[in-house]
PDB file of N, CA and C in Angstrom:
ATOM      1  N   HIS A   1     -20.975   4.039  -1.716  1.00  0.00           N
ATOM      2  CA  HIS A   1     -21.343   3.011  -0.817  1.00  0.00           C
ATOM      3  C   HIS A   1     -20.340   1.843  -1.505  1.00  0.00           C
ATOM      4  N   PHE A   2     -19.651   1.234  -0.678  1.00  0.00           N
ATOM      5  CA  PHE A   2     -18.856  -0.022  -1.321  1.00  0.00           C
ATOM      6  C   PHE A   2     -19.394  -1.319  -1.004  1.00  0.00           C
ATOM      7  N   ARG A   3     -19.952  -1.964  -1.966  1.00  0.00           N
ATOM      8  CA  ARG A   3     -20.267  -3.409  -1.757  1.00  0.00           C
ATOM      9  C   ARG A   3     -20.028  -4.060  -2.930  1.00  0.00           C
ATOM     10  N   ASN A   4     -20.376  -5.461  -2.747  1.00  0.00           N
ATOM     11  CA  ASN A   4     -20.265  -6.325  -3.917  1.00  0.00           C
ATOM     12  C   ASN A   4     -21.618  -6.970  -4.032  1.00  0.00           C
ATOM     13  N   VAL A   5     -22.051  -7.506  -5.132  1.00  0.00           N
ATOM     14  CA  VAL A   5     -23.212  -8.034  -5.535  1.00  0.00           C
ATOM     15  C   VAL A   5     -23.071  -9.478  -6.520  1.00  0.00           C
ATOM     16  N   SER A   6     -24.067 -10.326  -6.469  1.00  0.00           N
ATOM     17  CA  SER A   6     -23.756 -11.429  -7.239  1.00  0.00           C
ATOM     18  C   SER A   6     -24.017 -11.397  -8.758  1.00  0.00           C
ATOM     19  N   SER A   7     -24.507 -10.227  -9.327  1.00  0.00           N
ATOM     20  CA  SER A   7     -24.711 -10.046 -10.590  1.00  0.00           C
ATOM     21  C   SER A   7     -25.288  -8.724 -11.117  1.00  0.00           C
ATOM     22  N   THR A   8     -25.196  -8.269 -12.261  1.00  0.00           N
ATOM     23  CA  THR A   8     -25.621  -7.065 -12.632  1.00  0.00           C
ATOM     24  C   THR A   8     -27.251  -6.899 -12.539  1.00  0.00           C
ATOM     25  N   LEU A   9     -27.497  -5.691 -12.499  1.00  0.00           N
ATOM     26  CA  LEU A   9     -29.127  -5.407 -12.610  1.00  0.00           C
ATOM     27  C   LEU A   9     -29.733  -6.085 -13.735  1.00  0.00           C
ATOM     28  N   PRO A  10     -31.085  -6.503 -13.312  1.00  0.00           N
ATOM     29  CA  PRO A  10     -31.980  -5.786 -12.243  1.00  0.00           C
ATOM     30  C   PRO A  10     -31.912  -6.942 -11.248  1.00  0.00           C
ATOM     31  N   ILE A  11     -31.508  -8.149 -11.447  1.00  0.00           N
ATOM     32  CA  ILE A  11     -31.626  -9.047 -10.218  1.00  0.00           C
ATOM     33  C   ILE A  11     -30.195  -9.227  -9.748  1.00  0.00           C
ATOM     34  N   PHE A  12     -30.121  -9.026  -8.268  1.00  0.00           N
ATOM     35  CA  PHE A  12     -28.930  -9.144  -7.922  1.00  0.00           C
ATOM     36  C   PHE A  12     -28.961  -9.692  -6.377  1.00  0.00           C
ATOM     37  N   THR A  13     -28.075 -10.240  -5.567  1.00  0.00           N
ATOM     38  CA  THR A  13     -28.074 -10.511  -4.262  1.00  0.00           C
ATOM     39  C   THR A  13     -26.821  -9.727  -3.651  1.00  0.00           C
ATOM     40  N   GLU A  14     -26.941  -8.958  -2.557  1.00  0.00           N
ATOM     41  CA  GLU A  14     -25.676  -8.379  -1.869  1.00  0.00           C
ATOM     42  C   GLU A  14     -24.930  -9.473  -1.362  1.00  0.00           C
ATOM     43  N   THR A  15     -23.589  -9.305  -1.555  1.00  0.00           N
ATOM     44  CA  THR A  15     -22.820 -10.402  -0.986  1.00  0.00           C
ATOM     45  C   THR A  15     -21.629  -9.966  -0.145  1.00  0.00           C
ATOM     46  N   PHE A  16     -20.741 -10.660   0.189  1.00  0.00           N
ATOM     47  CA  PHE A  16     -19.763 -10.312   1.159  1.00  0.00           C
ATOM     48  C   PHE A  16     -18.592  -9.765   0.005  1.00  0.00           C
ATOM     49  N   LEU A  17     -17.842  -8.875   0.293  1.00  0.00           N
ATOM     50  CA  LEU A  17     -17.090  -8.181  -0.474  1.00  0.00           C
ATOM     51  C   LEU A  17     -16.123  -9.148  -1.299  1.00  0.00           C
ATOM     52  N   ASP A  18     -15.819 -10.169  -0.798  1.00  0.00           N
ATOM     53  CA  ASP A  18     -14.924 -11.122  -1.593  1.00  0.00           C
ATOM     54  C   ASP A  18     -15.690 -12.239  -2.227  1.00  0.00           C
ATOM     55  N   ASP A  19     -16.858 -12.043  -2.399  1.00  0.00           N
ATOM     56  CA  ASP A  19     -17.996 -13.060  -2.921  1.00  0.00           C
ATOM     57  C   ASP A  19     -18.746 -12.548  -3.924  1.00  0.00           C
ATOM     58  N   GLY A  20     -18.536 -11.447  -4.465  1.00  0.00           N
ATOM     59  CA  GLY A  20     -19.349 -11.062  -5.545  1.00  0.00           C
ATOM     60  C   GLY A  20     -18.709 -11.272  -6.941  1.00  0.00           C
ATOM     61  N   TYR A  21     -19.337 -10.730  -7.956  1.00  0.00           N
ATOM     62  CA  TYR A  21     -18.728 -10.754  -9.489  1.00  0.00           C
ATOM     63  C   TYR A  21     -17.816  -9.382  -9.763  1.00  0.00           C
ATOM     64  N   MET A  22     -17.799  -8.501  -8.835  1.00  0.00           N
ATOM     65  CA  MET A  22     -16.866  -7.322  -8.853  1.00  0.00           C
ATOM     66  C   MET A  22     -15.490  -7.779  -8.370  1.00  0.00           C
ATOM     67  N   ASP A  23     -14.414  -7.149  -8.868  1.00  0.00           N
ATOM     68  CA  ASP A  23     -12.951  -7.272  -8.563  1.00  0.00           C
ATOM     69  C   ASP A  23     -12.804  -6.179  -7.436  1.00  0.00           C
ATOM     70  N   MET A  24     -13.083  -6.175  -6.326  1.00  0.00           N
ATOM     71  CA  MET A  24     -13.025  -4.997  -5.292  1.00  0.00           C
ATOM     72  C   MET A  24     -11.533  -4.631  -5.176  1.00  0.00           C
ATOM     73  N   TYR A  25     -10.577  -5.600  -5.275  1.00  0.00           N
ATOM     74  CA  TYR A  25      -9.125  -5.107  -5.166  1.00  0.00           C
ATOM     75  C   TYR A  25      -8.939  -4.193  -6.197  1.00  0.00           C
ATOM     76  N   ARG A  26      -9.349  -4.345  -7.494  1.00  0.00           N
ATOM     77  CA  ARG A  26      -9.325  -3.686  -8.502  1.00  0.00           C
ATOM     78  C   ARG A  26      -9.887  -2.178  -8.561  1.00  0.00           C
ATOM     79  N   ILE A  27     -10.828  -2.261  -7.843  1.00  0.00           N
ATOM     80  CA  ILE A  27     -11.661  -0.864  -7.592  1.00  0.00           C
ATOM     81  C   ILE A  27     -10.764  -0.138  -6.616  1.00  0.00           C
ATOM     82  N   VAL A  28     -10.436  -0.708  -5.532  1.00  0.00           N
ATOM     83  CA  VAL A  28      -9.344   0.012  -4.525  1.00  0.00           C
ATOM     84  C   VAL A  28      -8.360   0.309  -5.141  1.00  0.00           C
ATOM     85  N   ARG A  29      -7.707  -0.449  -5.986  1.00  0.00           N
ATOM     86  CA  ARG A  29      -6.416  -0.072  -6.662  1.00  0.00           C
ATOM     87  C   ARG A  29      -6.408   1.107  -7.632  1.00  0.00           C
ATOM     88  N   LEU A  30      -7.507   1.131  -8.178  1.00  0.00           N
ATOM     89  CA  LEU A  30      -7.840   2.415  -8.925  1.00  0.00           C
ATOM     90  C   LEU A  30      -8.229   3.596  -8.229  1.00  0.00           C
ATOM     91  N   LEU A  31      -8.819   3.625  -7.086  1.00  0.00           N
ATOM     92  CA  LEU A  31      -8.902   4.773  -6.084  1.00  0.00           C
ATOM     93  C   LEU A  31      -7.478   5.270  -5.572  1.00  0.00           C
ATOM     94  N   VAL A  32      -6.650   4.407  -5.336  1.00  0.00           N
ATOM     95  CA  VAL A  32      -5.394   4.743  -4.698  1.00  0.00           C
ATOM     96  C   VAL A  32      -4.561   5.287  -5.928  1.00  0.00           C
ATOM     97  N   GLU A  33      -4.613   4.750  -7.182  1.00  0.00           N
ATOM     98  CA  GLU A  33      -3.713   5.310  -8.302  1.00  0.00           C
ATOM     99  C   GLU A  33      -4.392   6.607  -8.563  1.00  0.00           C
ATOM    100  N   LEU A  34      -5.751   6.865  -8.514  1.00  0.00           N
ATOM    101  CA  LEU A  34      -6.306   8.251  -8.874  1.00  0.00           C
ATOM    102  C   LEU A  34      -6.077   9.195  -7.791  1.00  0.00           C
ATOM    103  N   GLN A  35      -5.387   8.695  -6.593  1.00  0.00           N
ATOM    104  CA  GLN A  35      -5.118   9.505  -5.482  1.00  0.00           C
ATOM    105  C   GLN A  35      -6.440  10.058  -4.827  1.00  0.00           C
ATOM    106  N   TYR A  36      -7.430   9.296  -4.801  1.00  0.00           N
ATOM    107  CA  TYR A  36      -9.163   9.616  -4.375  1.00  0.00           C
ATOM    108  C   TYR A  36      -8.597  10.135  -2.734  1.00  0.00           C
ATOM    109  N   ALA A  37      -9.103  10.968  -2.413  1.00  0.00           N
ATOM    110  CA  ALA A  37      -8.964  11.320  -0.974  1.00  0.00           C
ATOM    111  C   ALA A  37     -10.209  11.168  -0.162  1.00  0.00           C
ATOM    112  N   GLY A  38     -11.486  10.877  -0.985  1.00  0.00           N
ATOM    113  CA  GLY A  38     -12.777  10.900  -0.334  1.00  0.00           C
ATOM    114  C   GLY A  38     -12.971   9.920   0.578  1.00  0.00           C
ATOM    115  N   THR A  39     -14.131   9.581   0.935  1.00  0.00           N
ATOM    116  CA  THR A  39     -14.625   8.788   1.775  1.00  0.00           C
ATOM    117  C   THR A  39     -15.091   7.414   1.183  1.00  0.00           C
ATOM    118  N   VAL A  40     -14.646   6.191   1.603  1.00  0.00           N
ATOM    119  CA  VAL A  40     -15.451   4.897   1.140  1.00  0.00           C
ATOM    120  C   VAL A  40     -16.219   4.397   2.212  1.00  0.00           C
ATOM    121  N   THR A  41     -17.563   4.346   1.952  1.00  0.00           N
ATOM    122  CA  THR A  41     -18.399   3.864   3.020  1.00  0.00           C
ATOM    123  C   THR A  41     -18.997   2.239   2.755  1.00  0.00           C
ATOM    124  N   LEU A  42     -18.675   1.650   3.785  1.00  0.00           N
ATOM    125  CA  LEU A  42     -19.319   0.296   3.790  1.00  0.00           C
ATOM    126  C   LEU A  42     -20.949   0.201   3.478  1.00  0.00           C
ATOM    127  N   ASP A  43     -21.302  -0.451   2.551  1.00  0.00           N
ATOM    128  CA  ASP A  43     -22.790  -0.626   2.300  1.00  0.00           C
ATOM    129  C   ASP A  43     -23.199  -1.769   3.021  1.00  0.00           C
ATOM    130  N   HIS A  44     -24.394  -2.320   2.679  1.00  0.00           N
ATOM    131  CA  HIS A  44     -24.835  -3.423   3.344  1.00  0.00           C
ATOM    132  C   HIS A  44     -24.275  -4.647   3.223  1.00  0.00           C
ATOM    133  N   THR A  45     -24.205  -5.342   4.345  1.00  0.00           N
ATOM    134  CA  THR A  45     -23.311  -6.515   4.484  1.00  0.00           C
ATOM    135  C   THR A  45     -24.213  -7.804   4.756  1.00  0.00           C
ATOM    136  N   PRO A  46     -23.936  -9.097   4.122  1.00  0.00           N
ATOM    137  CA  PRO A  46     -24.836 -10.216   4.561  1.00  0.00           C
ATOM    138  C   PRO A  46     -24.549 -10.373   6.004  1.00  0.00           C
ATOM    139  N   VAL A  47     -25.578 -11.104   6.636  1.00  0.00           N
ATOM    140  CA  VAL A  47     -25.202 -11.634   8.109  1.00  0.00           C
ATOM    141  C   VAL A  47     -24.427 -12.995   8.059  1.00  0.00           C
ATOM    142  N   PHE A  48     -23.484 -13.075   8.991  1.00  0.00           N
ATOM    143  CA  PHE A  48     -22.716 -14.548   8.947  1.00  0.00           C
ATOM    144  C   PHE A  48     -23.841 -15.584   9.311  1.00  0.00           C
ATOM    145  N   ASP A  49     -24.575 -15.288  10.399  1.00  0.00           N
ATOM    146  CA  ASP A  49     -25.150 -16.102  11.034  1.00  0.00           C
ATOM    147  C   ASP A  49     -26.528 -15.607  11.622  1.00  0.00           C
ATOM    148  N   LYS A  50     -27.508 -16.047  11.055  1.00  0.00           N
ATOM    149  CA  LYS A  50     -28.868 -15.351  11.190  1.00  0.00           C
ATOM    150  C   LYS A  50     -29.292 -15.579  12.843  1.00  0.00           C
ATOM    151  N   ARG A  51     -28.694 -16.461  13.518  1.00  0.00           N
ATOM    152  CA  ARG A  51     -29.027 -16.978  14.930  1.00  0.00           C
ATOM    153  C   ARG A  51     -28.298 -15.771  15.751  1.00  0.00           C
ATOM    154  N   VAL A  52     -27.482 -15.061  15.428  1.00  0.00           N
ATOM    155  CA  VAL A  52     -26.736 -14.022  16.081  1.00  0.00           C
ATOM    156  C   VAL A  52     -27.468 -12.640  15.816  1.00  0.00           C
ATOM    157  N   GLU A  53     -27.791 -11.973  16.972  1.00  0.00           N
ATOM    158  CA  GLU A  53     -28.344 -10.654  16.726  1.00  0.00           C
ATOM    159  C   GLU A  53     -27.566  -9.710  16.235  1.00  0.00           C
ATOM    160  N   GLY A  54     -27.800  -8.768  15.367  1.00  0.00           N
ATOM    161  CA  GLY A  54     -26.947  -7.586  14.979  1.00  0.00           C
ATOM    162  C   GLY A  54     -26.043  -8.152  13.817  1.00  0.00           C
ATOM    163  N   HIS A  55     -25.375  -7.076  13.408  1.00  0.00           N
ATOM    164  CA  HIS A  55     -24.354  -7.351  12.167  1.00  0.00           C
ATOM    165  C   HIS A  55     -22.961  -7.179  12.438  1.00  0.00           C
ATOM    166  N   MET A  56     -22.570  -6.889  13.751  1.00  0.00           N
ATOM    167  CA  MET A  56     -21.310  -6.661  14.133  1.00  0.00           C
ATOM    168  C   MET A  56     -20.284  -7.533  13.611  1.00  0.00           C
ATOM    169  N   SER A  57     -20.195  -8.646  13.719  1.00  0.00           N
ATOM    170  CA  SER A  57     -19.165  -9.560  13.141  1.00  0.00           C
ATOM    171  C   SER A  57     -19.111  -9.402  11.499  1.00  0.00           C
ATOM    172  N   ALA A  58     -20.081  -9.340  11.029  1.00  0.00           N
ATOM    173  CA  ALA A  58     -20.095  -9.202   9.465  1.00  0.00           C
ATOM    174  C   ALA A  58     -19.410  -7.760   9.216  1.00  0.00           C
ATOM    175  N   THR A  59     -19.774  -6.910   9.715  1.00  0.00           N
ATOM    176  CA  THR A  59     -19.399  -5.296   9.625  1.00  0.00           C
ATOM    177  C   THR A  59     -17.945  -5.293   9.921  1.00  0.00           C
ATOM    178  N   ALA A  60     -17.538  -5.946  11.137  1.00  0.00           N
ATOM    179  CA  ALA A  60     -16.058  -5.901  11.178  1.00  0.00           C
ATOM    180  C   ALA A  60     -15.371  -6.693  10.182  1.00  0.00           C
ATOM    181  N   TYR A  61     -15.876  -7.782   9.777  1.00  0.00           N
ATOM    182  CA  TYR A  61     -15.119  -8.499   8.773  1.00  0.00           C
ATOM    183  C   TYR A  61     -14.859  -7.562   7.419  1.00  0.00           C
ATOM    184  N   ALA A  62     -15.934  -6.942   7.086  1.00  0.00           N
ATOM    185  CA  ALA A  62     -16.045  -5.866   5.973  1.00  0.00           C
ATOM    186  C   ALA A  62     -15.050  -4.839   6.048  1.00  0.00           C
ATOM    187  N   ILE A  63     -14.961  -4.210   7.180  1.00  0.00           N
ATOM    188  CA  ILE A  63     -14.109  -3.175   7.519  1.00  0.00           C
ATOM    189  C   ILE A  63     -12.653  -3.490   7.433  1.00  0.00           C
ATOM    190  N   GLY A  64     -12.513  -4.762   7.910  1.00  0.00           N
ATOM    191  CA  GLY A  64     -11.186  -5.268   7.832  1.00  0.00           C
ATOM    192  C   GLY A  64     -10.705  -5.728   6.443  1.00  0.00           C
ATOM    193  N   TYR A  65     -11.626  -6.133   5.709  1.00  0.00           N
ATOM    194  CA  TYR A  65     -11.467  -6.590   4.079  1.00  0.00           C
ATOM    195  C   TYR A  65     -10.969  -5.070   3.613  1.00  0.00           C
ATOM    196  N   ILE A  66     -11.834  -4.149   3.658  1.00  0.00           N
ATOM    197  CA  ILE A  66     -11.620  -3.194   2.946  1.00  0.00           C
ATOM    198  C   ILE A  66     -10.085  -2.270   3.389  1.00  0.00           C
ATOM    199  N   ARG A  67      -9.846  -2.471   4.567  1.00  0.00           N
ATOM    200  CA  ARG A  67      -8.547  -1.905   5.029  1.00  0.00           C
ATOM    201  C   ARG A  67      -7.326  -2.677   4.376  1.00  0.00           C
ATOM    202  N   ALA A  68      -7.548  -4.169   4.316  1.00  0.00           N
ATOM    203  CA  ALA A  68      -6.446  -4.951   3.765  1.00  0.00           C
ATOM    204  C   ALA A  68      -6.588  -4.721   2.200  1.00  0.00           C
ATOM    205  N   LEU A  69      -7.482  -4.451   1.612  1.00  0.00           N
ATOM    206  CA  LEU A  69      -7.506  -4.023   0.159  1.00  0.00           C
ATOM    207  C   LEU A  69      -6.810  -2.551  -0.087  1.00  0.00           C
ATOM    208  N   HIS A  70      -7.001  -1.762   0.870  1.00  0.00           N
ATOM    209  CA  HIS A  70      -6.336  -0.473   0.667  1.00  0.00           C
ATOM    210  C   HIS A  70      -4.831  -0.604   0.962  1.00  0.00           C
ATOM    211  N   ASN A  71      -4.612  -1.211   1.932  1.00  0.00           N
ATOM    212  CA  ASN A  71      -3.106  -1.581   2.420  1.00  0.00           C
ATOM    213  C   ASN A  71      -2.296  -2.228   1.317  1.00  0.00           C
ATOM    214  N   ALA A  72      -3.008  -3.288   0.683  1.00  0.00           N
ATOM    215  CA  ALA A  72      -2.500  -3.880  -0.521  1.00  0.00           C
ATOM    216  C   ALA A  72      -2.175  -3.002  -1.613  1.00  0.00           C
ATOM    217  N   ALA A  73      -3.244  -2.094  -1.909  1.00  0.00           N
ATOM    218  CA  ALA A  73      -3.185  -1.406  -2.994  1.00  0.00           C
ATOM    219  C   ALA A  73      -2.019  -0.232  -2.725  1.00  0.00           C
ATOM    220  N   ARG A  74      -2.064   0.186  -1.640  1.00  0.00           N
ATOM    221  CA  ARG A  74      -0.905   1.198  -1.269  1.00  0.00           C
ATOM    222  C   ARG A  74       0.503   0.689  -1.389  1.00  0.00           C
ATOM    223  N   SER A  75       0.649  -0.699  -0.986  1.00  0.00           N
ATOM    224  CA  SER A  75       2.001  -1.260  -0.972  1.00  0.00           C
ATOM    225  C   SER A  75       2.431  -1.339  -2.444  1.00  0.00           C
ATOM    226  N   VAL A  76       1.514  -1.802  -3.304  1.00  0.00           N
ATOM    227  CA  VAL A  76       1.884  -2.014  -4.556  1.00  0.00           C
ATOM    228  C   VAL A  76       2.354  -0.762  -5.250  1.00  0.00           C
ATOM    229  N   ARG A  77       1.629   0.474  -4.811  1.00  0.00           N
ATOM    230  CA  ARG A  77       2.111   1.740  -5.253  1.00  0.00           C
ATOM    231  C   ARG A  77       3.314   2.417  -4.701  1.00  0.00           C
ATOM    232  N   GLY A  78       3.815   1.619  -3.720  1.00  0.00           N
ATOM    233  CA  GLY A  78       5.091   2.012  -3.061  1.00  0.00           C
ATOM    234  C   GLY A  78       4.841   2.852  -2.049  1.00  0.00           C
ATOM    235  N   GLU A  79       3.623   2.993  -1.371  1.00  0.00           N
ATOM    236  CA  GLU A  79       3.339   3.787  -0.218  1.00  0.00           C
ATOM    237  C   GLU A  79       3.551   3.142   1.057  1.00  0.00           C
TER     238      GLU A  79
END
């Protein structure tokens, strides 16, 4: 599961991928460098606006962000 959080255990809050303490680009870059061919699954994502039902916009944002990280890491590698 691919997610970012506000701090280390035992107390943390799940954050948007670009808002936590982990460098998510570095993680994706390592996966690309290691030629990882498995699945990266989006984990929990905060809600953009609690007045709107569902998590579709936050999920779409996170999936787009993961794809952008992957594309950037692949371009650095020359793919």
